[in-house]
Amino acid sequence: MKRQWAGISVSLLILGITGCATMSGDECATSDWSAVGYEDGARGLTTERFSKHRKACAKHGITADFQSYQQGRSQGLVEFCQPGRGFNLGANGGRYNGVCAADLEPEFLDAYRAGQQLYTLRSYVSSAGSQIYNNERELEAIKVEVRDKEALLIGANTSTQDRVLLLADLKDLSERTGELEAEIDALIADRARHEQDLRHYEQTVTAYGY
């Protein structure tokens, strides 16, 4: 791994592009197919992308130039299939479509998997934080519900039967409160552990130049 990978531009990196190619008639008529191919290659797109271009242009009676497209795409793939691009793709949760040549793919995949691991660790931290937030919101809602039911319990107009039901509800709410508090404690511990793992991993990938 080389330190200069971290400086590789990611301006052309577009993750998860799966939509249809929508080229207008003017675009189809004036496009430099080599340049279109280069852009798609630099994005790591498969030749399925050309198929979409071809269908879009066919609607306007224009034939796409596959040979020029493929020449440009091959050049674009060289730019895409760099370790720095692989790392950024993995770190952002992007999908690799197996487009890199055999001589470039091993280093690209190493970097891509390193990025994926970073993405996974960040996701763990984020997920634990979200669950803590959701549990805390539920706790707050329960507190409001408990106050309302306690007020009804001591209300002068509350019947004996209603008081029995209210007491049962308060018991259930108390049990749920205990469950949520225990879950929050466990999630806080999980988040702290994931944050520690993340810090250590970030230091590791930084040492390798990412």
N, C-alpha and C. Protein backbone atom coordinates (compact mmCIF):
# COMPACT_ATOMS: atom_id res chain seq x y z
N MET A 1 0.83 -1.19 0.00
CA MET A 1 0.00 0.00 0.00
C MET A 1 0.87 1.24 0.00
N LYS A 2 0.47 2.27 -0.71
CA LYS A 2 1.29 3.47 -0.81
C LYS A 2 0.53 4.67 -0.28
N ARG A 3 1.29 5.58 0.35
CA ARG A 3 0.65 6.72 0.99
C ARG A 3 -0.06 7.62 0.01
N GLN A 4 0.42 7.68 -1.25
CA GLN A 4 -0.21 8.58 -2.18
C GLN A 4 -1.63 8.15 -2.56
N TRP A 5 -2.00 6.90 -2.20
CA TRP A 5 -3.37 6.48 -2.49
C TRP A 5 -4.38 7.41 -1.85
N ALA A 6 -4.03 7.94 -0.68
CA ALA A 6 -4.99 8.77 0.04
C ALA A 6 -5.31 10.03 -0.73
N GLY A 7 -4.42 10.46 -1.62
CA GLY A 7 -4.64 11.70 -2.33
C GLY A 7 -5.33 11.54 -3.66
N ILE A 8 -5.66 10.31 -4.02
CA ILE A 8 -6.30 10.09 -5.31
C ILE A 8 -7.68 10.74 -5.32
N SER A 9 -7.98 11.47 -6.38
CA SER A 9 -9.27 12.16 -6.47
C SER A 9 -10.40 11.15 -6.57
N VAL A 10 -11.52 11.51 -5.93
CA VAL A 10 -12.70 10.65 -6.00
C VAL A 10 -13.87 11.39 -6.64
N SER A 11 -13.56 12.44 -7.41
CA SER A 11 -14.62 13.28 -7.95
C SER A 11 -15.52 12.53 -8.91
N LEU A 12 -14.99 11.50 -9.59
CA LEU A 12 -15.81 10.77 -10.55
C LEU A 12 -16.48 9.55 -9.95
N LEU A 13 -16.21 9.30 -8.66
CA LEU A 13 -16.74 8.09 -8.04
C LEU A 13 -18.21 8.27 -7.70
N ILE A 14 -19.06 7.50 -8.32
CA ILE A 14 -20.49 7.53 -8.04
C ILE A 14 -20.89 6.14 -7.62
N LEU A 15 -21.44 6.02 -6.40
CA LEU A 15 -21.70 4.72 -5.82
C LEU A 15 -23.10 4.24 -6.17
N GLY A 16 -23.16 2.93 -6.44
CA GLY A 16 -24.47 2.28 -6.58
C GLY A 16 -25.28 2.76 -7.75
N ILE A 17 -24.64 3.12 -8.88
CA ILE A 17 -25.40 3.58 -10.03
C ILE A 17 -26.03 2.37 -10.72
N THR A 18 -27.33 2.30 -10.68
CA THR A 18 -28.01 1.17 -11.31
C THR A 18 -29.16 1.64 -12.19
N GLY A 19 -29.41 2.94 -12.22
CA GLY A 19 -30.55 3.45 -12.96
C GLY A 19 -30.30 3.41 -14.47
N CYS A 20 -31.34 3.66 -15.24
CA CYS A 20 -31.25 3.64 -16.68
C CYS A 20 -30.49 4.86 -17.19
N ALA A 21 -29.75 4.67 -18.30
CA ALA A 21 -29.08 5.78 -18.95
C ALA A 21 -30.12 6.59 -19.69
N THR A 22 -30.16 7.89 -19.43
CA THR A 22 -31.14 8.73 -20.10
C THR A 22 -30.39 9.78 -20.90
N MET A 23 -30.15 9.49 -22.16
CA MET A 23 -29.46 10.41 -23.05
C MET A 23 -30.47 10.97 -24.03
N SER A 24 -30.42 12.27 -24.21
CA SER A 24 -31.32 12.91 -25.17
C SER A 24 -30.82 12.65 -26.58
N GLY A 25 -31.65 13.01 -27.56
CA GLY A 25 -31.25 12.84 -28.95
C GLY A 25 -30.01 13.64 -29.27
N ASP A 26 -29.95 14.88 -28.76
CA ASP A 26 -28.78 15.72 -29.01
C ASP A 26 -27.53 15.12 -28.39
N GLU A 27 -27.68 14.59 -27.17
CA GLU A 27 -26.53 13.96 -26.50
C GLU A 27 -26.05 12.74 -27.29
N CYS A 28 -26.98 11.96 -27.77
CA CYS A 28 -26.60 10.77 -28.54
C CYS A 28 -25.90 11.17 -29.83
N ALA A 29 -26.38 12.25 -30.46
CA ALA A 29 -25.83 12.66 -31.75
C ALA A 29 -24.45 13.30 -31.61
N THR A 30 -24.23 13.98 -30.50
CA THR A 30 -22.98 14.74 -30.35
C THR A 30 -21.98 14.10 -29.41
N SER A 31 -22.34 13.01 -28.76
CA SER A 31 -21.47 12.41 -27.76
C SER A 31 -20.19 11.86 -28.37
N ASP A 32 -19.09 12.08 -27.67
CA ASP A 32 -17.83 11.41 -27.96
C ASP A 32 -17.89 10.10 -27.20
N TRP A 33 -18.12 8.99 -27.90
CA TRP A 33 -18.36 7.72 -27.23
C TRP A 33 -17.15 7.22 -26.45
N SER A 34 -15.98 7.64 -26.89
CA SER A 34 -14.79 7.29 -26.13
C SER A 34 -14.81 7.99 -24.77
N ALA A 35 -15.23 9.26 -24.78
CA ALA A 35 -15.31 10.03 -23.53
C ALA A 35 -16.40 9.47 -22.61
N VAL A 36 -17.53 9.08 -23.21
CA VAL A 36 -18.62 8.47 -22.42
C VAL A 36 -18.12 7.18 -21.78
N GLY A 37 -17.40 6.39 -22.56
CA GLY A 37 -16.85 5.15 -22.03
C GLY A 37 -15.85 5.39 -20.93
N TYR A 38 -15.02 6.41 -21.12
CA TYR A 38 -14.02 6.73 -20.10
C TYR A 38 -14.70 7.11 -18.77
N GLU A 39 -15.72 7.93 -18.86
CA GLU A 39 -16.44 8.35 -17.65
C GLU A 39 -17.08 7.16 -16.95
N ASP A 40 -17.70 6.29 -17.72
CA ASP A 40 -18.33 5.11 -17.12
C ASP A 40 -17.29 4.17 -16.52
N GLY A 41 -16.17 4.02 -17.20
CA GLY A 41 -15.10 3.19 -16.65
C GLY A 41 -14.55 3.76 -15.37
N ALA A 42 -14.37 5.09 -15.33
CA ALA A 42 -13.85 5.74 -14.14
C ALA A 42 -14.82 5.65 -12.97
N ARG A 43 -16.07 5.34 -13.26
CA ARG A 43 -17.07 5.12 -12.21
C ARG A 43 -17.16 3.65 -11.82
N GLY A 44 -16.43 2.80 -12.52
CA GLY A 44 -16.47 1.38 -12.19
C GLY A 44 -17.71 0.68 -12.68
N LEU A 45 -18.33 1.21 -13.73
CA LEU A 45 -19.57 0.62 -14.24
C LEU A 45 -19.28 -0.54 -15.20
N THR A 46 -20.21 -1.46 -15.27
CA THR A 46 -20.08 -2.61 -16.17
C THR A 46 -20.55 -2.21 -17.57
N THR A 47 -20.36 -3.12 -18.52
CA THR A 47 -20.80 -2.84 -19.90
C THR A 47 -22.32 -2.79 -20.02
N GLU A 48 -23.01 -3.17 -18.96
CA GLU A 48 -24.47 -3.03 -18.96
C GLU A 48 -24.86 -1.57 -19.13
N ARG A 49 -23.97 -0.69 -18.69
CA ARG A 49 -24.23 0.74 -18.83
C ARG A 49 -24.32 1.13 -20.30
N PHE A 50 -23.45 0.52 -21.11
CA PHE A 50 -23.50 0.82 -22.55
C PHE A 50 -24.83 0.37 -23.14
N SER A 51 -25.30 -0.77 -22.69
CA SER A 51 -26.58 -1.29 -23.16
C SER A 51 -27.68 -0.27 -22.97
N LYS A 52 -27.64 0.42 -21.82
CA LYS A 52 -28.65 1.43 -21.52
C LYS A 52 -28.47 2.66 -22.42
N HIS A 53 -27.20 3.03 -22.65
CA HIS A 53 -26.94 4.12 -23.58
C HIS A 53 -27.47 3.75 -24.98
N ARG A 54 -27.17 2.52 -25.40
CA ARG A 54 -27.58 2.08 -26.74
C ARG A 54 -29.09 2.13 -26.90
N LYS A 55 -29.81 1.66 -25.90
CA LYS A 55 -31.28 1.66 -25.98
C LYS A 55 -31.83 3.07 -26.00
N ALA A 56 -31.22 3.95 -25.19
CA ALA A 56 -31.68 5.33 -25.15
C ALA A 56 -31.48 6.01 -26.50
N CYS A 57 -30.34 5.76 -27.12
CA CYS A 57 -30.03 6.40 -28.40
C CYS A 57 -30.81 5.78 -29.55
N ALA A 58 -31.08 4.49 -29.43
CA ALA A 58 -31.86 3.81 -30.47
C ALA A 58 -33.24 4.44 -30.62
N LYS A 59 -33.77 4.95 -29.54
CA LYS A 59 -35.09 5.60 -29.59
C LYS A 59 -35.05 6.85 -30.45
N HIS A 60 -33.85 7.40 -30.64
CA HIS A 60 -33.68 8.60 -31.46
C HIS A 60 -33.08 8.26 -32.82
N GLY A 61 -33.02 6.95 -33.13
CA GLY A 61 -32.50 6.52 -34.41
C GLY A 61 -31.00 6.66 -34.54
N ILE A 62 -30.30 6.66 -33.42
CA ILE A 62 -28.84 6.84 -33.43
C ILE A 62 -28.18 5.59 -32.88
N THR A 63 -27.15 5.15 -33.57
CA THR A 63 -26.42 3.94 -33.17
C THR A 63 -25.22 4.32 -32.31
N ALA A 64 -25.14 3.75 -31.13
CA ALA A 64 -24.01 4.02 -30.23
C ALA A 64 -22.77 3.28 -30.75
N ASP A 65 -21.61 3.90 -30.57
CA ASP A 65 -20.35 3.35 -31.06
C ASP A 65 -19.69 2.54 -29.94
N PHE A 66 -19.90 1.22 -29.98
CA PHE A 66 -19.39 0.38 -28.90
C PHE A 66 -17.87 0.32 -28.89
N GLN A 67 -17.26 0.27 -30.06
CA GLN A 67 -15.80 0.15 -30.11
C GLN A 67 -15.13 1.36 -29.45
N SER A 68 -15.58 2.56 -29.79
CA SER A 68 -15.01 3.76 -29.17
C SER A 68 -15.33 3.80 -27.69
N TYR A 69 -16.56 3.41 -27.36
CA TYR A 69 -16.96 3.38 -25.95
C TYR A 69 -16.06 2.44 -25.15
N GLN A 70 -15.82 1.26 -25.68
CA GLN A 70 -15.04 0.26 -24.97
C GLN A 70 -13.58 0.70 -24.81
N GLN A 71 -13.05 1.37 -25.82
CA GLN A 71 -11.68 1.88 -25.71
C GLN A 71 -11.58 2.91 -24.59
N GLY A 72 -12.55 3.81 -24.54
CA GLY A 72 -12.56 4.83 -23.49
C GLY A 72 -12.79 4.21 -22.12
N ARG A 73 -13.70 3.24 -22.06
CA ARG A 73 -14.00 2.60 -20.78
C ARG A 73 -12.77 1.89 -20.22
N SER A 74 -12.02 1.24 -21.09
CA SER A 74 -10.81 0.54 -20.63
C SER A 74 -9.83 1.52 -19.98
N GLN A 75 -9.71 2.70 -20.55
CA GLN A 75 -8.83 3.71 -19.97
C GLN A 75 -9.39 4.22 -18.64
N GLY A 76 -10.71 4.40 -18.60
CA GLY A 76 -11.35 4.85 -17.37
C GLY A 76 -11.21 3.85 -16.25
N LEU A 77 -11.26 2.57 -16.60
CA LEU A 77 -11.13 1.53 -15.58
C LEU A 77 -9.75 1.54 -14.93
N VAL A 78 -8.74 1.92 -15.69
CA VAL A 78 -7.41 2.02 -15.11
C VAL A 78 -7.40 3.05 -13.99
N GLU A 79 -8.12 4.14 -14.22
CA GLU A 79 -8.22 5.17 -13.17
C GLU A 79 -9.04 4.66 -11.99
N PHE A 80 -10.13 3.98 -12.29
CA PHE A 80 -10.99 3.48 -11.22
C PHE A 80 -10.30 2.42 -10.38
N CYS A 81 -9.57 1.52 -11.02
CA CYS A 81 -9.04 0.34 -10.34
C CYS A 81 -7.76 0.61 -9.58
N GLN A 82 -7.70 1.75 -8.92
CA GLN A 82 -6.56 2.09 -8.07
C GLN A 82 -6.93 1.80 -6.62
N PRO A 83 -5.97 1.44 -5.79
CA PRO A 83 -6.28 1.11 -4.39
C PRO A 83 -7.04 2.22 -3.66
N GLY A 84 -6.66 3.47 -3.91
CA GLY A 84 -7.36 4.57 -3.22
C GLY A 84 -8.83 4.61 -3.55
N ARG A 85 -9.15 4.33 -4.83
CA ARG A 85 -10.55 4.28 -5.23
C ARG A 85 -11.26 3.10 -4.56
N GLY A 86 -10.55 1.98 -4.52
CA GLY A 86 -11.14 0.81 -3.88
C GLY A 86 -11.46 1.05 -2.42
N PHE A 87 -10.52 1.70 -1.72
CA PHE A 87 -10.74 1.98 -0.31
C PHE A 87 -11.95 2.90 -0.12
N ASN A 88 -12.01 3.96 -0.91
CA ASN A 88 -13.13 4.90 -0.77
C ASN A 88 -14.47 4.25 -1.11
N LEU A 89 -14.45 3.38 -2.12
CA LEU A 89 -15.68 2.67 -2.48
C LEU A 89 -16.17 1.82 -1.31
N GLY A 90 -15.26 1.05 -0.71
CA GLY A 90 -15.64 0.22 0.42
C GLY A 90 -16.03 1.02 1.64
N ALA A 91 -15.31 2.11 1.91
CA ALA A 91 -15.58 2.92 3.09
C ALA A 91 -16.91 3.64 3.01
N ASN A 92 -17.43 3.81 1.79
CA ASN A 92 -18.72 4.47 1.62
C ASN A 92 -19.86 3.48 1.37
N GLY A 93 -19.56 2.20 1.55
CA GLY A 93 -20.61 1.20 1.40
C GLY A 93 -20.95 0.90 -0.04
N GLY A 94 -20.04 1.23 -0.97
CA GLY A 94 -20.30 0.99 -2.38
C GLY A 94 -20.08 -0.46 -2.78
N ARG A 95 -20.59 -0.79 -3.93
CA ARG A 95 -20.50 -2.18 -4.42
C ARG A 95 -19.49 -2.25 -5.56
N TYR A 96 -18.62 -3.22 -5.47
CA TYR A 96 -17.66 -3.46 -6.54
C TYR A 96 -18.24 -4.49 -7.50
N ASN A 97 -18.20 -4.16 -8.80
CA ASN A 97 -18.85 -5.00 -9.80
C ASN A 97 -17.89 -5.93 -10.54
N GLY A 98 -16.68 -6.14 -10.02
CA GLY A 98 -15.76 -7.08 -10.63
C GLY A 98 -15.25 -6.63 -11.99
N VAL A 99 -15.00 -5.32 -12.14
CA VAL A 99 -14.64 -4.79 -13.45
C VAL A 99 -13.14 -4.63 -13.66
N CYS A 100 -12.34 -4.79 -12.63
CA CYS A 100 -10.91 -4.51 -12.75
C CYS A 100 -10.16 -5.67 -13.41
N ALA A 101 -9.13 -5.29 -14.15
CA ALA A 101 -8.29 -6.29 -14.83
C ALA A 101 -7.51 -7.09 -13.80
N ALA A 102 -7.05 -8.26 -14.22
CA ALA A 102 -6.38 -9.19 -13.31
C ALA A 102 -5.13 -8.59 -12.68
N ASP A 103 -4.43 -7.72 -13.40
CA ASP A 103 -3.20 -7.15 -12.85
C ASP A 103 -3.46 -6.04 -11.85
N LEU A 104 -4.65 -5.44 -11.90
CA LEU A 104 -4.98 -4.34 -10.99
C LEU A 104 -5.88 -4.78 -9.83
N GLU A 105 -6.59 -5.88 -10.02
CA GLU A 105 -7.63 -6.25 -9.05
C GLU A 105 -7.11 -6.64 -7.67
N PRO A 106 -6.00 -7.36 -7.53
CA PRO A 106 -5.60 -7.77 -6.18
C PRO A 106 -5.40 -6.61 -5.21
N GLU A 107 -4.65 -5.59 -5.62
CA GLU A 107 -4.43 -4.44 -4.73
C GLU A 107 -5.72 -3.66 -4.52
N PHE A 108 -6.51 -3.54 -5.60
CA PHE A 108 -7.79 -2.85 -5.49
C PHE A 108 -8.69 -3.54 -4.46
N LEU A 109 -8.76 -4.86 -4.54
CA LEU A 109 -9.62 -5.62 -3.62
C LEU A 109 -9.12 -5.53 -2.18
N ASP A 110 -7.81 -5.56 -1.98
CA ASP A 110 -7.27 -5.41 -0.63
C ASP A 110 -7.73 -4.09 -0.02
N ALA A 111 -7.61 -3.04 -0.82
CA ALA A 111 -8.00 -1.71 -0.34
C ALA A 111 -9.52 -1.62 -0.16
N TYR A 112 -10.26 -2.21 -1.09
CA TYR A 112 -11.72 -2.20 -1.02
C TYR A 112 -12.20 -2.89 0.25
N ARG A 113 -11.61 -4.03 0.57
CA ARG A 113 -12.01 -4.76 1.78
C ARG A 113 -11.63 -4.00 3.04
N ALA A 114 -10.49 -3.31 2.99
CA ALA A 114 -10.11 -2.47 4.13
C ALA A 114 -11.15 -1.37 4.33
N GLY A 115 -11.61 -0.79 3.24
CA GLY A 115 -12.65 0.24 3.32
C GLY A 115 -13.96 -0.33 3.81
N GLN A 116 -14.30 -1.53 3.36
CA GLN A 116 -15.52 -2.18 3.83
C GLN A 116 -15.50 -2.40 5.34
N GLN A 117 -14.34 -2.80 5.86
CA GLN A 117 -14.23 -3.01 7.30
C GLN A 117 -14.44 -1.72 8.06
N LEU A 118 -13.90 -0.64 7.52
CA LEU A 118 -14.10 0.67 8.15
C LEU A 118 -15.58 1.04 8.13
N TYR A 119 -16.23 0.80 7.00
CA TYR A 119 -17.67 1.07 6.87
C TYR A 119 -18.47 0.25 7.89
N THR A 120 -18.10 -1.00 8.05
CA THR A 120 -18.80 -1.89 8.98
C THR A 120 -18.66 -1.39 10.42
N LEU A 121 -17.45 -1.01 10.81
CA LEU A 121 -17.22 -0.53 12.17
C LEU A 121 -17.97 0.77 12.43
N ARG A 122 -17.98 1.64 11.46
CA ARG A 122 -18.75 2.88 11.61
C ARG A 122 -20.23 2.59 11.73
N SER A 123 -20.70 1.60 10.98
CA SER A 123 -22.11 1.23 11.03
C SER A 123 -22.49 0.69 12.40
N TYR A 124 -21.59 -0.09 13.01
CA TYR A 124 -21.86 -0.61 14.34
C TYR A 124 -22.05 0.53 15.34
N VAL A 125 -21.16 1.51 15.28
CA VAL A 125 -21.25 2.65 16.20
C VAL A 125 -22.54 3.42 15.96
N SER A 126 -22.85 3.66 14.70
CA SER A 126 -24.05 4.41 14.35
C SER A 126 -25.32 3.66 14.76
N SER A 127 -25.33 2.35 14.54
CA SER A 127 -26.50 1.55 14.88
C SER A 127 -26.76 1.54 16.38
N ALA A 128 -25.69 1.38 17.16
CA ALA A 128 -25.85 1.40 18.62
C ALA A 128 -26.37 2.75 19.08
N GLY A 129 -25.84 3.82 18.49
CA GLY A 129 -26.30 5.17 18.86
C GLY A 129 -27.77 5.37 18.53
N SER A 130 -28.19 4.87 17.37
CA SER A 130 -29.59 5.00 16.98
C SER A 130 -30.52 4.22 17.91
N GLN A 131 -30.08 3.02 18.30
CA GLN A 131 -30.91 2.22 19.22
C GLN A 131 -31.00 2.88 20.59
N ILE A 132 -29.90 3.46 21.05
CA ILE A 132 -29.93 4.17 22.33
C ILE A 132 -30.91 5.33 22.26
N TYR A 133 -30.84 6.09 21.18
CA TYR A 133 -31.74 7.23 21.00
C TYR A 133 -33.20 6.77 20.99
N ASN A 134 -33.49 5.70 20.25
CA ASN A 134 -34.87 5.22 20.17
C ASN A 134 -35.37 4.74 21.53
N ASN A 135 -34.52 4.04 22.27
CA ASN A 135 -34.92 3.57 23.60
C ASN A 135 -35.15 4.72 24.56
N GLU A 136 -34.31 5.73 24.47
CA GLU A 136 -34.47 6.89 25.34
C GLU A 136 -35.77 7.64 25.03
N ARG A 137 -36.11 7.71 23.75
CA ARG A 137 -37.37 8.35 23.38
C ARG A 137 -38.56 7.55 23.91
N GLU A 138 -38.46 6.22 23.84
CA GLU A 138 -39.55 5.39 24.37
C GLU A 138 -39.65 5.57 25.88
N LEU A 139 -38.51 5.68 26.55
CA LEU A 139 -38.53 5.91 28.00
C LEU A 139 -39.23 7.22 28.34
N GLU A 140 -38.94 8.25 27.58
CA GLU A 140 -39.58 9.55 27.82
C GLU A 140 -41.08 9.45 27.62
N ALA A 141 -41.51 8.72 26.59
CA ALA A 141 -42.94 8.55 26.34
C ALA A 141 -43.59 7.78 27.48
N ILE A 142 -42.89 6.77 28.02
CA ILE A 142 -43.42 5.99 29.13
C ILE A 142 -43.58 6.86 30.37
N LYS A 143 -42.61 7.73 30.61
CA LYS A 143 -42.69 8.62 31.78
C LYS A 143 -43.93 9.49 31.72
N VAL A 144 -44.22 9.99 30.52
CA VAL A 144 -45.42 10.82 30.35
C VAL A 144 -46.67 9.98 30.59
N GLU A 145 -46.67 8.77 30.04
CA GLU A 145 -47.82 7.88 30.22
C GLU A 145 -48.00 7.50 31.68
N VAL A 146 -46.92 7.27 32.39
CA VAL A 146 -47.00 6.93 33.82
C VAL A 146 -47.59 8.09 34.61
N ARG A 147 -47.13 9.30 34.31
CA ARG A 147 -47.67 10.47 35.03
C ARG A 147 -49.17 10.61 34.80
N ASP A 148 -49.59 10.39 33.55
CA ASP A 148 -51.02 10.52 33.24
C ASP A 148 -51.84 9.45 33.97
N LYS A 149 -51.32 8.23 33.98
CA LYS A 149 -52.07 7.15 34.63
C LYS A 149 -52.08 7.32 36.15
N GLU A 150 -50.98 7.81 36.70
CA GLU A 150 -50.94 8.06 38.15
C GLU A 150 -51.94 9.15 38.54
N ALA A 151 -52.07 10.14 37.67
CA ALA A 151 -53.04 11.20 37.95
C ALA A 151 -54.46 10.65 37.92
N LEU A 152 -54.71 9.75 36.96
CA LEU A 152 -56.04 9.15 36.90
C LEU A 152 -56.28 8.25 38.10
N LEU A 153 -55.22 7.57 38.54
CA LEU A 153 -55.35 6.62 39.64
C LEU A 153 -55.86 7.30 40.91
N ILE A 154 -55.38 8.50 41.13
CA ILE A 154 -55.79 9.20 42.36
C ILE A 154 -56.94 10.16 42.12
N GLY A 155 -57.45 10.15 40.90
CA GLY A 155 -58.56 11.04 40.57
C GLY A 155 -59.83 10.66 41.31
N ALA A 156 -60.59 11.65 41.69
CA ALA A 156 -61.81 11.42 42.47
C ALA A 156 -62.88 10.69 41.66
N ASN A 157 -62.85 10.85 40.34
CA ASN A 157 -63.91 10.27 39.51
C ASN A 157 -63.53 8.91 38.92
N THR A 158 -62.38 8.35 39.34
CA THR A 158 -61.95 7.07 38.81
C THR A 158 -62.60 5.93 39.59
N SER A 159 -63.21 5.01 38.85
CA SER A 159 -63.91 3.90 39.50
C SER A 159 -62.90 2.87 40.01
N THR A 160 -63.38 2.00 40.88
CA THR A 160 -62.52 0.95 41.43
C THR A 160 -62.01 0.04 40.32
N GLN A 161 -62.88 -0.30 39.39
CA GLN A 161 -62.48 -1.18 38.29
C GLN A 161 -61.38 -0.51 37.45
N ASP A 162 -61.55 0.78 37.20
CA ASP A 162 -60.55 1.50 36.42
C ASP A 162 -59.23 1.58 37.17
N ARG A 163 -59.29 1.72 38.48
CA ARG A 163 -58.06 1.77 39.28
C ARG A 163 -57.29 0.46 39.17
N VAL A 164 -58.03 -0.65 39.17
CA VAL A 164 -57.38 -1.96 39.04
C VAL A 164 -56.67 -2.05 37.69
N LEU A 165 -57.35 -1.59 36.64
CA LEU A 165 -56.75 -1.62 35.31
C LEU A 165 -55.53 -0.69 35.22
N LEU A 166 -55.65 0.46 35.84
CA LEU A 166 -54.54 1.42 35.83
C LEU A 166 -53.32 0.86 36.55
N LEU A 167 -53.56 0.18 37.67
CA LEU A 167 -52.45 -0.42 38.42
C LEU A 167 -51.76 -1.49 37.58
N ALA A 168 -52.54 -2.26 36.84
CA ALA A 168 -51.96 -3.29 35.97
C ALA A 168 -51.12 -2.64 34.87
N ASP A 169 -51.65 -1.55 34.30
CA ASP A 169 -50.90 -0.83 33.26
C ASP A 169 -49.60 -0.26 33.81
N LEU A 170 -49.67 0.30 35.01
CA LEU A 170 -48.47 0.88 35.63
C LEU A 170 -47.42 -0.18 35.91
N LYS A 171 -47.89 -1.36 36.28
CA LYS A 171 -46.95 -2.46 36.52
C LYS A 171 -46.24 -2.83 35.22
N ASP A 172 -47.01 -2.93 34.13
CA ASP A 172 -46.42 -3.26 32.82
C ASP A 172 -45.43 -2.18 32.39
N LEU A 173 -45.79 -0.93 32.60
CA LEU A 173 -44.91 0.18 32.22
C LEU A 173 -43.63 0.18 33.04
N SER A 174 -43.76 -0.20 34.31
CA SER A 174 -42.57 -0.27 35.17
C SER A 174 -41.62 -1.37 34.67
N GLU A 175 -42.19 -2.50 34.28
CA GLU A 175 -41.37 -3.59 33.76
C GLU A 175 -40.70 -3.20 32.46
N ARG A 176 -41.46 -2.51 31.60
CA ARG A 176 -40.88 -2.07 30.33
C ARG A 176 -39.77 -1.04 30.57
N THR A 177 -39.96 -0.19 31.55
CA THR A 177 -38.93 0.79 31.88
C THR A 177 -37.63 0.09 32.28
N GLY A 178 -37.77 -0.95 33.12
CA GLY A 178 -36.59 -1.71 33.53
C GLY A 178 -35.89 -2.36 32.35
N GLU A 179 -36.69 -2.92 31.41
CA GLU A 179 -36.11 -3.55 30.23
C GLU A 179 -35.35 -2.53 29.38
N LEU A 180 -35.96 -1.38 29.18
CA LEU A 180 -35.32 -0.35 28.35
C LEU A 180 -34.04 0.16 28.99
N GLU A 181 -34.07 0.36 30.28
CA GLU A 181 -32.87 0.86 30.98
C GLU A 181 -31.73 -0.15 30.89
N ALA A 182 -32.07 -1.43 30.99
CA ALA A 182 -31.05 -2.48 30.87
C ALA A 182 -30.50 -2.52 29.45
N GLU A 183 -31.39 -2.39 28.46
CA GLU A 183 -30.96 -2.38 27.06
C GLU A 183 -30.06 -1.19 26.78
N ILE A 184 -30.40 -0.03 27.32
CA ILE A 184 -29.59 1.17 27.11
C ILE A 184 -28.20 0.98 27.69
N ASP A 185 -28.13 0.43 28.89
CA ASP A 185 -26.82 0.18 29.52
C ASP A 185 -25.96 -0.74 28.64
N ALA A 186 -26.60 -1.80 28.13
CA ALA A 186 -25.87 -2.75 27.28
C ALA A 186 -25.43 -2.10 25.97
N LEU A 187 -26.31 -1.28 25.42
CA LEU A 187 -26.00 -0.61 24.15
C LEU A 187 -24.88 0.42 24.33
N ILE A 188 -24.88 1.11 25.45
CA ILE A 188 -23.81 2.07 25.72
C ILE A 188 -22.47 1.35 25.80
N ALA A 189 -22.47 0.19 26.44
CA ALA A 189 -21.24 -0.60 26.53
C ALA A 189 -20.82 -1.09 25.14
N ASP A 190 -21.80 -1.54 24.34
CA ASP A 190 -21.50 -1.98 22.98
C ASP A 190 -20.93 -0.85 22.15
N ARG A 191 -21.56 0.31 22.26
CA ARG A 191 -21.09 1.46 21.47
C ARG A 191 -19.67 1.84 21.85
N ALA A 192 -19.37 1.82 23.14
CA ALA A 192 -18.02 2.16 23.60
C ALA A 192 -17.00 1.17 23.03
N ARG A 193 -17.37 -0.10 23.02
CA ARG A 193 -16.47 -1.11 22.46
C ARG A 193 -16.27 -0.92 20.97
N HIS A 194 -17.36 -0.64 20.25
CA HIS A 194 -17.27 -0.43 18.81
C HIS A 194 -16.45 0.84 18.51
N GLU A 195 -16.62 1.87 19.32
CA GLU A 195 -15.85 3.09 19.11
C GLU A 195 -14.37 2.85 19.30
N GLN A 196 -14.04 2.03 20.29
CA GLN A 196 -12.64 1.70 20.51
C GLN A 196 -12.08 0.91 19.33
N ASP A 197 -12.84 -0.07 18.84
CA ASP A 197 -12.42 -0.85 17.68
C ASP A 197 -12.24 0.06 16.46
N LEU A 198 -13.16 1.00 16.31
CA LEU A 198 -13.09 1.92 15.19
C LEU A 198 -11.85 2.80 15.26
N ARG A 199 -11.56 3.33 16.43
CA ARG A 199 -10.36 4.17 16.59
C ARG A 199 -9.10 3.40 16.24
N HIS A 200 -9.02 2.18 16.74
CA HIS A 200 -7.84 1.35 16.46
C HIS A 200 -7.72 1.07 14.97
N TYR A 201 -8.84 0.78 14.33
CA TYR A 201 -8.80 0.45 12.91
C TYR A 201 -8.45 1.69 12.08
N GLU A 202 -8.99 2.83 12.47
CA GLU A 202 -8.66 4.08 11.76
C GLU A 202 -7.16 4.36 11.83
N GLN A 203 -6.58 4.09 12.97
CA GLN A 203 -5.13 4.27 13.11
C GLN A 203 -4.38 3.31 12.19
N THR A 204 -4.91 2.09 12.08
CA THR A 204 -4.26 1.09 11.23
C THR A 204 -4.28 1.51 9.77
N VAL A 205 -5.46 1.90 9.26
CA VAL A 205 -5.55 2.26 7.85
C VAL A 205 -4.80 3.55 7.55
N THR A 206 -4.73 4.44 8.54
CA THR A 206 -3.95 5.68 8.35
C THR A 206 -2.48 5.34 8.20
N ALA A 207 -2.03 4.36 8.96
CA ALA A 207 -0.62 3.94 8.89
C ALA A 207 -0.28 3.37 7.52
N TYR A 208 -1.30 2.82 6.83
CA TYR A 208 -1.08 2.28 5.50
C TYR A 208 -1.30 3.32 4.40
N GLY A 209 -1.59 4.54 4.80
CA GLY A 209 -1.69 5.61 3.82
C GLY A 209 -3.08 5.91 3.31
N TYR A 210 -4.12 5.38 3.92
CA TYR A 210 -5.48 5.66 3.47
C TYR A 210 -6.00 6.94 4.11
